[in-house]
C-alpha cells in the first residue's frame, strides 16, 4: 500500500509540474495576444504607408495585408490558448482524482467524543 501511495504522490507532483508549464505557455500566449491587439489599434491610427518587421529589416506593406496577418495571428493564438485551457482543466481533474486517492492512505482522525 505504501508503494501505491508513493506512486500517487509522484503522479500528483508530475501533474502539478505539467500544470505549471501549461500556465507559463498560456501566459506567454496572452502576452503575444495583447501585443497583437495593440498593433491592430496602432494600425487603425496609421494614415500613410505601414511597415512590418521581418527579422532585422522592415518591409513596406499595406494596412489591409498587415491587418489580415495580425488577425490570423490573433486567431491562431486564441486557438492555442483554448487548447491549453482544455489541457489545464484535464490536468486539474487528474490532480483532484489523485488527491482523493491519496487521502485514503492518510490515517483517519480519531473521534474525540468516545
PDB file of N, CA and C in Angstrom:
ATOM      1  N   UNK A   1       0.825  -1.209   0.000  1.00  0.00           N
ATOM      2  CA  UNK A   1       0.000   0.000   0.000  1.00  0.00           C
ATOM      3  C   UNK A   1       0.860   1.261   0.000  1.00  0.00           C
ATOM      4  N   UNK A   2       1.954   1.220   0.743  1.00  0.00           N
ATOM      5  CA  UNK A   2       2.819   2.388   0.833  1.00  0.00           C
ATOM      6  C   UNK A   2       3.387   2.751  -0.537  1.00  0.00           C
ATOM      7  N   UNK A   3       3.717   1.738  -1.329  1.00  0.00           N
ATOM      8  CA  UNK A   3       4.255   1.970  -2.674  1.00  0.00           C
ATOM      9  C   UNK A   3       3.204   2.656  -3.550  1.00  0.00           C
ATOM     10  N   UNK A   4       1.972   2.207  -3.439  1.00  0.00           N
ATOM     11  CA  UNK A   4       0.890   2.807  -4.228  1.00  0.00           C
ATOM     12  C   UNK A   4       0.691   4.278  -3.851  1.00  0.00           C
ATOM     13  N   UNK A   5       0.744   4.574  -2.559  1.00  0.00           N
ATOM     14  CA  UNK A   5       0.598   5.958  -2.098  1.00  0.00           C
ATOM     15  C   UNK A   5       1.741   6.814  -2.633  1.00  0.00           C
ATOM     16  N   UNK A   6       2.946   6.248  -2.634  1.00  0.00           N
ATOM     17  CA  UNK A   6       4.111   6.975  -3.149  1.00  0.00           C
ATOM     18  C   UNK A   6       3.955   7.261  -4.645  1.00  0.00           C
ATOM     19  N   UNK A   7       3.453   6.283  -5.389  1.00  0.00           N
ATOM     20  CA  UNK A   7       3.234   6.470  -6.830  1.00  0.00           C
ATOM     21  C   UNK A   7       2.188   7.551  -7.091  1.00  0.00           C
ATOM     22  N   UNK A   8       1.143   7.555  -6.296  1.00  0.00           N
ATOM     23  CA  UNK A   8       0.097   8.578  -6.446  1.00  0.00           C
ATOM     24  C   UNK A   8       0.682   9.957  -6.159  1.00  0.00           C
ATOM     25  N   UNK A   9       1.482  10.053  -5.112  1.00  0.00           N
ATOM     26  CA  UNK A   9       2.093  11.331  -4.751  1.00  0.00           C
ATOM     27  C   UNK A   9       3.031  11.824  -5.852  1.00  0.00           C
ATOM     28  N   UNK A  10       3.810  10.919  -6.423  1.00  0.00           N
ATOM     29  CA  UNK A  10       4.705  11.277  -7.531  1.00  0.00           C
ATOM     30  C   UNK A  10       3.889  11.756  -8.724  1.00  0.00           C
ATOM     31  N   UNK A  11       2.777  11.076  -8.992  1.00  0.00           N
ATOM     32  CA  UNK A  11       1.908  11.470 -10.104  1.00  0.00           C
ATOM     33  C   UNK A  11       1.340  12.867  -9.873  1.00  0.00           C
ATOM     34  N   UNK A  12       0.934  13.150  -8.649  1.00  0.00           N
ATOM     35  CA  UNK A  12       0.406  14.482  -8.322  1.00  0.00           C
ATOM     36  C   UNK A  12       1.478  15.537  -8.573  1.00  0.00           C
ATOM     37  N   UNK A  13       2.696  15.254  -8.137  1.00  0.00           N
ATOM     38  CA  UNK A  13       3.796  16.204  -8.337  1.00  0.00           C
ATOM     39  C   UNK A  13       4.069  16.420  -9.826  1.00  0.00           C
ATOM     40  N   UNK A  14       4.066  15.333 -10.598  1.00  0.00           N
ATOM     41  CA  UNK A  14       4.294  15.449 -12.048  1.00  0.00           C
ATOM     42  C   UNK A  14       3.191  16.255 -12.721  1.00  0.00           C
ATOM     43  N   UNK A  15       1.964  16.000 -12.330  1.00  0.00           N
ATOM     44  CA  UNK A  15       0.840  16.725 -12.923  1.00  0.00           C
ATOM     45  C   UNK A  15       0.883  18.206 -12.537  1.00  0.00           C
ATOM     46  N   UNK A  16       1.310  18.493 -11.314  1.00  0.00           N
ATOM     47  CA  UNK A  16       1.458  19.897 -10.910  1.00  0.00           C
ATOM     48  C   UNK A  16       2.521  20.594 -11.751  1.00  0.00           C
ATOM     49  N   UNK A  17       3.603  19.876 -12.066  1.00  0.00           N
ATOM     50  CA  UNK A  17       4.649  20.443 -12.924  1.00  0.00           C
ATOM     51  C   UNK A  17       4.094  20.686 -14.334  1.00  0.00           C
ATOM     52  N   UNK A  18       3.334  19.717 -14.850  1.00  0.00           N
ATOM     53  CA  UNK A  18       2.702  19.882 -16.169  1.00  0.00           C
ATOM     54  C   UNK A  18       1.769  21.089 -16.169  1.00  0.00           C
ATOM     55  N   UNK A  19       1.005  21.225 -15.103  1.00  0.00           N
ATOM     56  CA  UNK A  19       0.068  22.345 -14.981  1.00  0.00           C
ATOM     57  C   UNK A  19       0.817  23.674 -14.976  1.00  0.00           C
ATOM     58  N   UNK A  20       1.917  23.717 -14.250  1.00  0.00           N
ATOM     59  CA  UNK A  20       2.716  24.940 -14.196  1.00  0.00           C
ATOM     60  C   UNK A  20       3.267  25.284 -15.584  1.00  0.00           C
ATOM     61  N   UNK A  21       3.744  24.280 -16.321  1.00  0.00           N
ATOM     62  CA  UNK A  21       4.260  24.510 -17.676  1.00  0.00           C
ATOM     63  C   UNK A  21       3.173  25.041 -18.600  1.00  0.00           C
ATOM     64  N   UNK A  22       1.989  24.478 -18.498  1.00  0.00           N
ATOM     65  CA  UNK A  22       0.868  24.930 -19.330  1.00  0.00           C
ATOM     66  C   UNK A  22       0.511  26.376 -19.001  1.00  0.00           C
ATOM     67  N   UNK A  23       0.512  26.704 -17.729  1.00  0.00           N
ATOM     68  CA  UNK A  23       0.161  28.070 -17.329  1.00  0.00           C
ATOM     69  C   UNK A  23       1.208  29.075 -17.818  1.00  0.00           C
ATOM     70  N   UNK A  24       2.472  28.661 -17.836  1.00  0.00           N
ATOM     71  CA  UNK A  24       3.535  29.531 -18.357  1.00  0.00           C
ATOM     72  C   UNK A  24       3.338  29.751 -19.856  1.00  0.00           C
ATOM     73  N   UNK A  25       3.041  28.665 -20.589  1.00  0.00           N
ATOM     74  CA  UNK A  25       2.797  28.781 -22.032  1.00  0.00           C
ATOM     75  C   UNK A  25       1.600  29.682 -22.303  1.00  0.00           C
ATOM     76  N   UNK A  26       0.550  29.493 -21.521  1.00  0.00           N
ATOM     77  CA  UNK A  26      -0.670  30.290 -21.694  1.00  0.00           C
ATOM     78  C   UNK A  26      -0.387  31.766 -21.430  1.00  0.00           C
ATOM     79  N   UNK A  27       0.389  32.037 -20.398  1.00  0.00           N
ATOM     80  CA  UNK A  27       0.733  33.420 -20.073  1.00  0.00           C
ATOM     81  C   UNK A  27       1.525  34.061 -21.217  1.00  0.00           C
ATOM     82  N   UNK A  28       2.460  33.319 -21.800  1.00  0.00           N
ATOM     83  CA  UNK A  28       3.250  33.841 -22.920  1.00  0.00           C
ATOM     84  C   UNK A  28       2.348  34.142 -24.115  1.00  0.00           C
ATOM     85  N   UNK A  29       1.386  33.262 -24.382  1.00  0.00           N
ATOM     86  CA  UNK A  29       0.455  33.491 -25.488  1.00  0.00           C
ATOM     87  C   UNK A  29      -0.426  34.709 -25.226  1.00  0.00           C
ATOM     88  N   UNK A  30      -0.843  34.880 -23.981  1.00  0.00           N
ATOM     89  CA  UNK A  30      -1.675  36.036 -23.646  1.00  0.00           C
ATOM     90  C   UNK A  30      -0.900  37.340 -23.840  1.00  0.00           C
ATOM     91  N   UNK A  31       0.391  37.318 -23.558  1.00  0.00           N
ATOM     92  CA  UNK A  31       1.231  38.500 -23.798  1.00  0.00           C
ATOM     93  C   UNK A  31       1.301  38.783 -25.294  1.00  0.00           C
ATOM     94  N   UNK A  32       1.513  37.737 -26.099  1.00  0.00           N
ATOM     95  CA  UNK A  32       1.549  37.905 -27.559  1.00  0.00           C
ATOM     96  C   UNK A  32       0.221  38.449 -28.071  1.00  0.00           C
ATOM     97  N   UNK A  33      -0.869  37.952 -27.506  1.00  0.00           N
ATOM     98  CA  UNK A  33      -2.201  38.403 -27.915  1.00  0.00           C
ATOM     99  C   UNK A  33      -2.376  39.895 -27.636  1.00  0.00           C
ATOM    100  N   UNK A  34      -1.943  40.338 -26.464  1.00  0.00           N
ATOM    101  CA  UNK A  34      -2.034  41.769 -26.139  1.00  0.00           C
ATOM    102  C   UNK A  34      -1.168  42.604 -27.083  1.00  0.00           C
ATOM    103  N   UNK A  35      -0.004  42.084 -27.451  1.00  0.00           N
ATOM    104  CA  UNK A  35       0.865  42.803 -28.392  1.00  0.00           C
ATOM    105  C   UNK A  35       0.188  42.938 -29.754  1.00  0.00           C
ATOM    106  N   UNK A  36      -0.457  41.880 -30.209  1.00  0.00           N
ATOM    107  CA  UNK A  36      -1.158  41.927 -31.496  1.00  0.00           C
ATOM    108  C   UNK A  36      -2.317  42.915 -31.429  1.00  0.00           C
ATOM    109  N   UNK A  37      -3.074  42.869 -30.332  1.00  0.00           N
ATOM    110  CA  UNK A  37      -4.197  43.799 -30.188  1.00  0.00           C
ATOM    111  C   UNK A  37      -3.709  45.245 -30.177  1.00  0.00           C
ATOM    112  N   UNK A  38      -2.590  45.484 -29.528  1.00  0.00           N
ATOM    113  CA  UNK A  38      -2.003  46.824 -29.503  1.00  0.00           C
ATOM    114  C   UNK A  38      -1.559  47.238 -30.909  1.00  0.00           C
ATOM    115  N   UNK A  39      -0.946  46.303 -31.635  1.00  0.00           N
ATOM    116  CA  UNK A  39      -0.507  46.589 -33.005  1.00  0.00           C
ATOM    117  C   UNK A  39      -1.708  46.895 -33.899  1.00  0.00           C
ATOM    118  N   UNK A  40      -2.803  46.168 -33.720  1.00  0.00           N
ATOM    119  CA  UNK A  40      -4.012  46.423 -34.510  1.00  0.00           C
ATOM    120  C   UNK A  40      -4.572  47.816 -34.219  1.00  0.00           C
ATOM    121  N   UNK A  41      -4.533  48.217 -32.953  1.00  0.00           N
ATOM    122  CA  UNK A  41      -5.003  49.562 -32.598  1.00  0.00           C
ATOM    123  C   UNK A  41      -4.142  50.628 -33.269  1.00  0.00           C
ATOM    124  N   UNK A  42      -2.834  50.449 -33.230  1.00  0.00           N
ATOM    125  CA  UNK A  42      -1.920  51.412 -33.854  1.00  0.00           C
ATOM    126  C   UNK A  42      -2.097  51.424 -35.368  1.00  0.00           C
ATOM    127  N   UNK A  43      -2.352  50.262 -35.932  1.00  0.00           N
ATOM    128  CA  UNK A  43      -2.549  50.155 -37.377  1.00  0.00           C
ATOM    129  C   UNK A  43      -3.772  50.954 -37.816  1.00  0.00           C
ATOM    130  N   UNK A  44      -4.815  50.931 -37.001  1.00  0.00           N
ATOM    131  CA  UNK A  44      -6.025  51.694 -37.321  1.00  0.00           C
ATOM    132  C   UNK A  44      -5.740  53.196 -37.348  1.00  0.00           C
ATOM    133  N   UNK A  45      -4.812  53.643 -36.519  1.00  0.00           N
ATOM    134  CA  UNK A  45      -4.467  55.069 -36.452  1.00  0.00           C
ATOM    135  C   UNK A  45      -3.559  55.500 -37.602  1.00  0.00           C
ATOM    136  N   UNK A  46      -2.860  54.542 -38.201  1.00  0.00           N
ATOM    137  CA  UNK A  46      -1.878  54.869 -39.248  1.00  0.00           C
ATOM    138  C   UNK A  46      -2.582  55.438 -40.475  1.00  0.00           C
ATOM    139  N   UNK A  47      -1.982  56.490 -41.042  1.00  0.00           N
ATOM    140  CA  UNK A  47      -2.570  57.136 -42.221  1.00  0.00           C
ATOM    141  C   UNK A  47      -1.791  56.799 -43.483  1.00  0.00           C
ATOM    142  N   UNK A  48      -0.488  56.714 -43.355  1.00  0.00           N
ATOM    143  CA  UNK A  48       0.367  56.522 -44.524  1.00  0.00           C
ATOM    144  C   UNK A  48       0.799  55.064 -44.653  1.00  0.00           C
ATOM    145  N   UNK A  49       1.924  54.913 -45.336  1.00  0.00           N
ATOM    146  CA  UNK A  49       2.486  53.582 -45.523  1.00  0.00           C
ATOM    147  C   UNK A  49       2.776  52.932 -44.170  1.00  0.00           C
ATOM    148  N   UNK A  50       2.652  51.612 -44.159  1.00  0.00           N
ATOM    149  CA  UNK A  50       2.982  50.860 -42.948  1.00  0.00           C
ATOM    150  C   UNK A  50       4.094  49.869 -43.283  1.00  0.00           C
ATOM    151  N   UNK A  51       4.805  49.461 -42.267  1.00  0.00           N
ATOM    152  CA  UNK A  51       5.917  48.537 -42.440  1.00  0.00           C
ATOM    153  C   UNK A  51       5.780  47.409 -41.440  1.00  0.00           C
ATOM    154  N   UNK A  52       6.298  46.246 -41.826  1.00  0.00           N
ATOM    155  CA  UNK A  52       6.312  45.123 -40.895  1.00  0.00           C
ATOM    156  C   UNK A  52       7.748  44.644 -40.739  1.00  0.00           C
ATOM    157  N   UNK A  53       8.046  44.172 -39.551  1.00  0.00           N
ATOM    158  CA  UNK A  53       9.388  43.671 -39.269  1.00  0.00           C
ATOM    159  C   UNK A  53       9.480  42.223 -39.730  1.00  0.00           C
ATOM    160  N   UNK A  54      10.508  41.954 -40.528  1.00  0.00           N
ATOM    161  CA  UNK A  54      10.808  40.590 -40.944  1.00  0.00           C
ATOM    162  C   UNK A  54      12.270  40.372 -40.578  1.00  0.00           C
ATOM    163  N   UNK A  55      12.465  39.701 -39.458  1.00  0.00           N
ATOM    164  CA  UNK A  55      13.825  39.582 -38.952  1.00  0.00           C
ATOM    165  C   UNK A  55      14.338  40.960 -38.593  1.00  0.00           C
ATOM    166  N   UNK A  56      15.560  41.282 -39.016  1.00  0.00           N
ATOM    167  CA  UNK A  56      16.130  42.587 -38.652  1.00  0.00           C
ATOM    168  C   UNK A  56      15.774  43.725 -39.618  1.00  0.00           C
ATOM    169  N   UNK A  57      14.891  43.450 -40.603  1.00  0.00           N
ATOM    170  CA  UNK A  57      14.566  44.501 -41.578  1.00  0.00           C
ATOM    171  C   UNK A  57      13.078  44.846 -41.539  1.00  0.00           C
ATOM    172  N   UNK A  58      12.753  46.029 -42.060  1.00  0.00           N
ATOM    173  CA  UNK A  58      11.361  46.455 -42.190  1.00  0.00           C
ATOM    174  C   UNK A  58      10.970  46.393 -43.655  1.00  0.00           C
ATOM    175  N   UNK A  59       9.777  45.865 -43.914  1.00  0.00           N
ATOM    176  CA  UNK A  59       9.279  45.747 -45.283  1.00  0.00           C
ATOM    177  C   UNK A  59       7.978  46.528 -45.390  1.00  0.00           C
ATOM    178  N   UNK A  60       7.867  47.303 -46.466  1.00  0.00           N
ATOM    179  CA  UNK A  60       6.655  48.089 -46.700  1.00  0.00           C
ATOM    180  C   UNK A  60       5.494  47.133 -46.976  1.00  0.00           C
ATOM    181  N   UNK A  61       4.330  47.484 -46.435  1.00  0.00           N
ATOM    182  CA  UNK A  61       3.145  46.651 -46.600  1.00  0.00           C
ATOM    183  C   UNK A  61       1.924  47.557 -46.666  1.00  0.00           C
ATOM    184  N   UNK A  62       0.784  46.975 -46.987  1.00  0.00           N
ATOM    185  CA  UNK A  62      -0.456  47.750 -46.951  1.00  0.00           C
ATOM    186  C   UNK A  62      -1.134  47.510 -45.604  1.00  0.00           C
ATOM    187  N   UNK A  63      -1.977  48.459 -45.215  1.00  0.00           N
ATOM    188  CA  UNK A  63      -2.708  48.303 -43.961  1.00  0.00           C
ATOM    189  C   UNK A  63      -3.558  47.033 -43.992  1.00  0.00           C
ATOM    190  N   UNK A  64      -4.174  46.774 -45.148  1.00  0.00           N
ATOM    191  CA  UNK A  64      -5.056  45.617 -45.269  1.00  0.00           C
ATOM    192  C   UNK A  64      -4.289  44.307 -45.095  1.00  0.00           C
ATOM    193  N   UNK A  65      -3.132  44.211 -45.766  1.00  0.00           N
ATOM    194  CA  UNK A  65      -2.315  42.997 -45.653  1.00  0.00           C
ATOM    195  C   UNK A  65      -1.870  42.776 -44.215  1.00  0.00           C
ATOM    196  N   UNK A  66      -1.372  43.833 -43.631  1.00  0.00           N
ATOM    197  CA  UNK A  66      -0.862  43.739 -42.269  1.00  0.00           C
ATOM    198  C   UNK A  66      -1.985  43.402 -41.290  1.00  0.00           C
ATOM    199  N   UNK A  67      -3.144  44.020 -41.479  1.00  0.00           N
ATOM    200  CA  UNK A  67      -4.284  43.735 -40.607  1.00  0.00           C
ATOM    201  C   UNK A  67      -4.690  42.271 -40.735  1.00  0.00           C
ATOM    202  N   UNK A  68      -4.706  41.763 -41.963  1.00  0.00           N
ATOM    203  CA  UNK A  68      -5.065  40.361 -42.189  1.00  0.00           C
ATOM    204  C   UNK A  68      -4.081  39.431 -41.478  1.00  0.00           C
ATOM    205  N   UNK A  69      -2.790  39.716 -41.606  1.00  0.00           N
ATOM    206  CA  UNK A  69      -1.772  38.892 -40.948  1.00  0.00           C
ATOM    207  C   UNK A  69      -1.932  38.919 -39.430  1.00  0.00           C
ATOM    208  N   UNK A  70      -2.160  40.107 -38.893  1.00  0.00           N
ATOM    209  CA  UNK A  70      -2.318  40.231 -37.446  1.00  0.00           C
ATOM    210  C   UNK A  70      -3.575  39.509 -36.960  1.00  0.00           C
ATOM    211  N   UNK A  71      -4.666  39.634 -37.698  1.00  0.00           N
ATOM    212  CA  UNK A  71      -5.916  38.952 -37.321  1.00  0.00           C
ATOM    213  C   UNK A  71      -5.736  37.435 -37.362  1.00  0.00           C
ATOM    214  N   UNK A  72      -5.016  36.932 -38.375  1.00  0.00           N
ATOM    215  CA  UNK A  72      -4.750  35.494 -38.458  1.00  0.00           C
ATOM    216  C   UNK A  72      -3.894  35.038 -37.278  1.00  0.00           C
ATOM    217  N   UNK A  73      -2.889  35.842 -36.940  1.00  0.00           N
ATOM    218  CA  UNK A  73      -2.048  35.525 -35.791  1.00  0.00           C
ATOM    219  C   UNK A  73      -2.851  35.511 -34.503  1.00  0.00           C
ATOM    220  N   UNK A  74      -3.749  36.472 -34.383  1.00  0.00           N
ATOM    221  CA  UNK A  74      -4.614  36.562 -33.205  1.00  0.00           C
ATOM    222  C   UNK A  74      -5.506  35.323 -33.100  1.00  0.00           C
ATOM    223  N   UNK A  75      -6.052  34.912 -34.236  1.00  0.00           N
ATOM    224  CA  UNK A  75      -6.913  33.728 -34.267  1.00  0.00           C
ATOM    225  C   UNK A  75      -6.131  32.476 -33.862  1.00  0.00           C
ATOM    226  N   UNK A  76      -4.918  32.326 -34.396  1.00  0.00           N
ATOM    227  CA  UNK A  76      -4.076  31.176 -34.050  1.00  0.00           C
ATOM    228  C   UNK A  76      -3.772  31.149 -32.555  1.00  0.00           C
ATOM    229  N   UNK A  77      -3.436  32.302 -32.015  1.00  0.00           N
ATOM    230  CA  UNK A  77      -3.111  32.376 -30.589  1.00  0.00           C
ATOM    231  C   UNK A  77      -4.335  32.030 -29.746  1.00  0.00           C
ATOM    232  N   UNK A  78      -5.500  32.536 -30.132  1.00  0.00           N
ATOM    233  CA  UNK A  78      -6.722  32.209 -29.389  1.00  0.00           C
ATOM    234  C   UNK A  78      -7.008  30.713 -29.411  1.00  0.00           C
ATOM    235  N   UNK A  79      -6.775  30.063 -30.558  1.00  0.00           N
ATOM    236  CA  UNK A  79      -6.965  28.611 -30.640  1.00  0.00           C
ATOM    237  C   UNK A  79      -5.992  27.886 -29.715  1.00  0.00           C
ATOM    238  N   UNK A  80      -4.741  28.344 -29.702  1.00  0.00           N
ATOM    239  CA  UNK A  80      -3.741  27.727 -28.826  1.00  0.00           C
ATOM    240  C   UNK A  80      -4.089  27.926 -27.355  1.00  0.00           C
ATOM    241  N   UNK A  81      -4.584  29.099 -27.011  1.00  0.00           N
ATOM    242  CA  UNK A  81      -4.982  29.360 -25.623  1.00  0.00           C
ATOM    243  C   UNK A  81      -6.126  28.431 -25.226  1.00  0.00           C
ATOM    244  N   UNK A  82      -7.101  28.262 -26.107  1.00  0.00           N
ATOM    245  CA  UNK A  82      -8.228  27.367 -25.809  1.00  0.00           C
ATOM    246  C   UNK A  82      -7.752  25.928 -25.614  1.00  0.00           C
ATOM    247  N   UNK A  83      -6.800  25.491 -26.447  1.00  0.00           N
ATOM    248  CA  UNK A  83      -6.252  24.135 -26.313  1.00  0.00           C
ATOM    249  C   UNK A  83      -5.541  23.983 -24.967  1.00  0.00           C
ATOM    250  N   UNK A  84      -4.774  24.989 -24.590  1.00  0.00           N
ATOM    251  CA  UNK A  84      -4.080  24.940 -23.299  1.00  0.00           C
ATOM    252  C   UNK A  84      -5.077  24.944 -22.143  1.00  0.00           C
ATOM    253  N   UNK A  85      -6.165  25.683 -22.285  1.00  0.00           N
ATOM    254  CA  UNK A  85      -7.190  25.714 -21.235  1.00  0.00           C
ATOM    255  C   UNK A  85      -7.850  24.345 -21.080  1.00  0.00           C
ATOM    256  N   UNK A  86      -8.052  23.637 -22.194  1.00  0.00           N
ATOM    257  CA  UNK A  86      -8.607  22.274 -22.114  1.00  0.00           C
ATOM    258  C   UNK A  86      -7.626  21.347 -21.390  1.00  0.00           C
ATOM    259  N   UNK A  87      -6.341  21.465 -21.736  1.00  0.00           N
ATOM    260  CA  UNK A  87      -5.327  20.645 -21.070  1.00  0.00           C
ATOM    261  C   UNK A  87      -5.264  20.977 -19.579  1.00  0.00           C
ATOM    262  N   UNK A  88      -5.336  22.259 -19.275  1.00  0.00           N
ATOM    263  CA  UNK A  88      -5.291  22.709 -17.880  1.00  0.00           C
ATOM    264  C   UNK A  88      -6.449  22.098 -17.090  1.00  0.00           C
ATOM    265  N   UNK A  89      -7.643  22.125 -17.665  1.00  0.00           N
ATOM    266  CA  UNK A  89      -8.822  21.573 -16.997  1.00  0.00           C
ATOM    267  C   UNK A  89      -8.657  20.075 -16.759  1.00  0.00           C
ATOM    268  N   UNK A  90      -8.164  19.367 -17.774  1.00  0.00           N
ATOM    269  CA  UNK A  90      -7.982  17.917 -17.662  1.00  0.00           C
ATOM    270  C   UNK A  90      -6.958  17.577 -16.578  1.00  0.00           C
ATOM    271  N   UNK A  91      -5.859  18.309 -16.556  1.00  0.00           N
ATOM    272  CA  UNK A  91      -4.819  18.049 -15.557  1.00  0.00           C
ATOM    273  C   UNK A  91      -5.339  18.340 -14.152  1.00  0.00           C
ATOM    274  N   UNK A  92      -6.114  19.409 -14.000  1.00  0.00           N
ATOM    275  CA  UNK A  92      -6.682  19.725 -12.684  1.00  0.00           C
ATOM    276  C   UNK A  92      -7.604  18.603 -12.212  1.00  0.00           C
ATOM    277  N   UNK A  93      -8.354  18.013 -13.139  1.00  0.00           N
ATOM    278  CA  UNK A  93      -9.229  16.892 -12.787  1.00  0.00           C
ATOM    279  C   UNK A  93      -8.403  15.689 -12.343  1.00  0.00           C
ATOM    280  N   UNK A  94      -7.316  15.415 -13.063  1.00  0.00           N
ATOM    281  CA  UNK A  94      -6.439  14.292 -12.713  1.00  0.00           C
ATOM    282  C   UNK A  94      -5.828  14.520 -11.331  1.00  0.00           C
ATOM    283  N   UNK A  95      -5.381  15.733 -11.076  1.00  0.00           N
ATOM    284  CA  UNK A  95      -4.792  16.056  -9.770  1.00  0.00           C
ATOM    285  C   UNK A  95      -5.825  15.839  -8.665  1.00  0.00           C
ATOM    286  N   UNK A  96      -7.045  16.305  -8.897  1.00  0.00           N
ATOM    287  CA  UNK A  96      -8.097  16.158  -7.885  1.00  0.00           C
ATOM    288  C   UNK A  96      -8.384  14.680  -7.610  1.00  0.00           C
ATOM    289  N   UNK A  97      -8.484  13.881  -8.675  1.00  0.00           N
ATOM    290  CA  UNK A  97      -8.725  12.444  -8.508  1.00  0.00           C
ATOM    291  C   UNK A  97      -7.600  11.795  -7.709  1.00  0.00           C
ATOM    292  N   UNK A  98      -6.361  12.147  -8.047  1.00  0.00           N
ATOM    293  CA  UNK A  98      -5.222  11.562  -7.347  1.00  0.00           C
ATOM    294  C   UNK A  98      -5.153  12.020  -5.893  1.00  0.00           C
ATOM    295  N   UNK A  99      -5.540  13.260  -5.629  1.00  0.00           N
ATOM    296  CA  UNK A  99      -5.563  13.737  -4.246  1.00  0.00           C
ATOM    297  C   UNK A  99      -6.593  12.957  -3.434  1.00  0.00           C
ATOM    298  N   UNK A 100      -7.733  12.665  -4.059  1.00  0.00           N
ATOM    299  CA  UNK A 100      -8.765  11.881  -3.374  1.00  0.00           C
ATOM    300  C   UNK A 100      -8.271  10.469  -3.107  1.00  0.00           C
ATOM    301  N   UNK A 101      -7.571   9.872  -4.076  1.00  0.00           N
ATOM    302  CA  UNK A 101      -6.993   8.534  -3.879  1.00  0.00           C
ATOM    303  C   UNK A 101      -5.968   8.563  -2.748  1.00  0.00           C
ATOM    304  N   UNK A 102      -5.149   9.610  -2.736  1.00  0.00           N
ATOM    305  CA  UNK A 102      -4.092   9.715  -1.731  1.00  0.00           C
ATOM    306  C   UNK A 102      -4.680   9.875  -0.329  1.00  0.00           C
ATOM    307  N   UNK A 103      -5.803  10.584  -0.220  1.00  0.00           N
ATOM    308  CA  UNK A 103      -6.447  10.796   1.083  1.00  0.00           C
ATOM    309  C   UNK A 103      -6.777   9.470   1.764  1.00  0.00           C
ATOM    310  N   UNK A 104      -7.062   8.438   0.969  1.00  0.00           N
ATOM    311  CA  UNK A 104      -7.428   7.134   1.529  1.00  0.00           C
ATOM    312  C   UNK A 104      -6.259   6.498   2.279  1.00  0.00           C
ATOM    313  N   UNK A 105      -5.053   6.920   1.955  1.00  0.00           N
ATOM    314  CA  UNK A 105      -3.876   6.354   2.604  1.00  0.00           C
ATOM    315  C   UNK A 105      -3.511   7.093   3.894  1.00  0.00           C
ATOM    316  N   UNK A 106      -4.109   8.241   4.109  1.00  0.00           N
ATOM    317  CA  UNK A 106      -3.808   9.010   5.313  1.00  0.00           C
ATOM    318  C   UNK A 106      -4.589   8.443   6.487  1.00  0.00           C
ATOM    319  N   UNK A 107      -3.999   8.487   7.698  1.00  0.00           N
ATOM    320  CA  UNK A 107      -4.728   7.964   8.861  1.00  0.00           C
ATOM    321  C   UNK A 107      -5.985   8.787   9.124  1.00  0.00           C
ATOM    322  N   UNK A 108      -7.015   8.079   9.515  1.00  0.00           N
ATOM    323  CA  UNK A 108      -8.280   8.755   9.792  1.00  0.00           C
ATOM    324  C   UNK A 108      -8.192   9.415  11.175  1.00  0.00           C
ATOM    325  N   UNK A 109      -8.738  10.635  11.317  1.00  0.00           N
ATOM    326  CA  UNK A 109      -8.705  11.292  12.634  1.00  0.00           C
ATOM    327  C   UNK A 109      -9.551  10.506  13.630  1.00  0.00           C
ATOM    328  N   UNK A 110      -9.060  10.404  14.846  1.00  0.00           N
ATOM    329  CA  UNK A 110      -9.792   9.664  15.880  1.00  0.00           C
ATOM    330  C   UNK A 110     -10.928  10.523  16.408  1.00  0.00           C
ATOM    331  N   UNK A 111     -12.023   9.872  16.719  1.00  0.00           N
ATOM    332  CA  UNK A 111     -13.200  10.564  17.249  1.00  0.00           C
ATOM    333  C   UNK A 111     -12.943  10.891  18.718  1.00  0.00           C
ATOM    334  N   UNK A 112     -12.925  12.153  19.085  1.00  0.00           N
ATOM    335  CA  UNK A 112     -12.590  12.589  20.439  1.00  0.00           C
ATOM    336  C   UNK A 112     -13.739  12.376  21.427  1.00  0.00           C
ATOM    337  N   UNK A 113     -14.956  12.169  20.936  1.00  0.00           N
ATOM    338  CA  UNK A 113     -16.110  12.024  21.826  1.00  0.00           C
ATOM    339  C   UNK A 113     -16.169  10.646  22.459  1.00  0.00           C
ATOM    340  N   UNK A 114     -15.413   9.683  21.998  1.00  0.00           N
ATOM    341  CA  UNK A 114     -15.506   8.312  22.504  1.00  0.00           C
ATOM    342  C   UNK A 114     -14.510   8.038  23.563  1.00  0.00           C
TER     343      UNK A 114
END
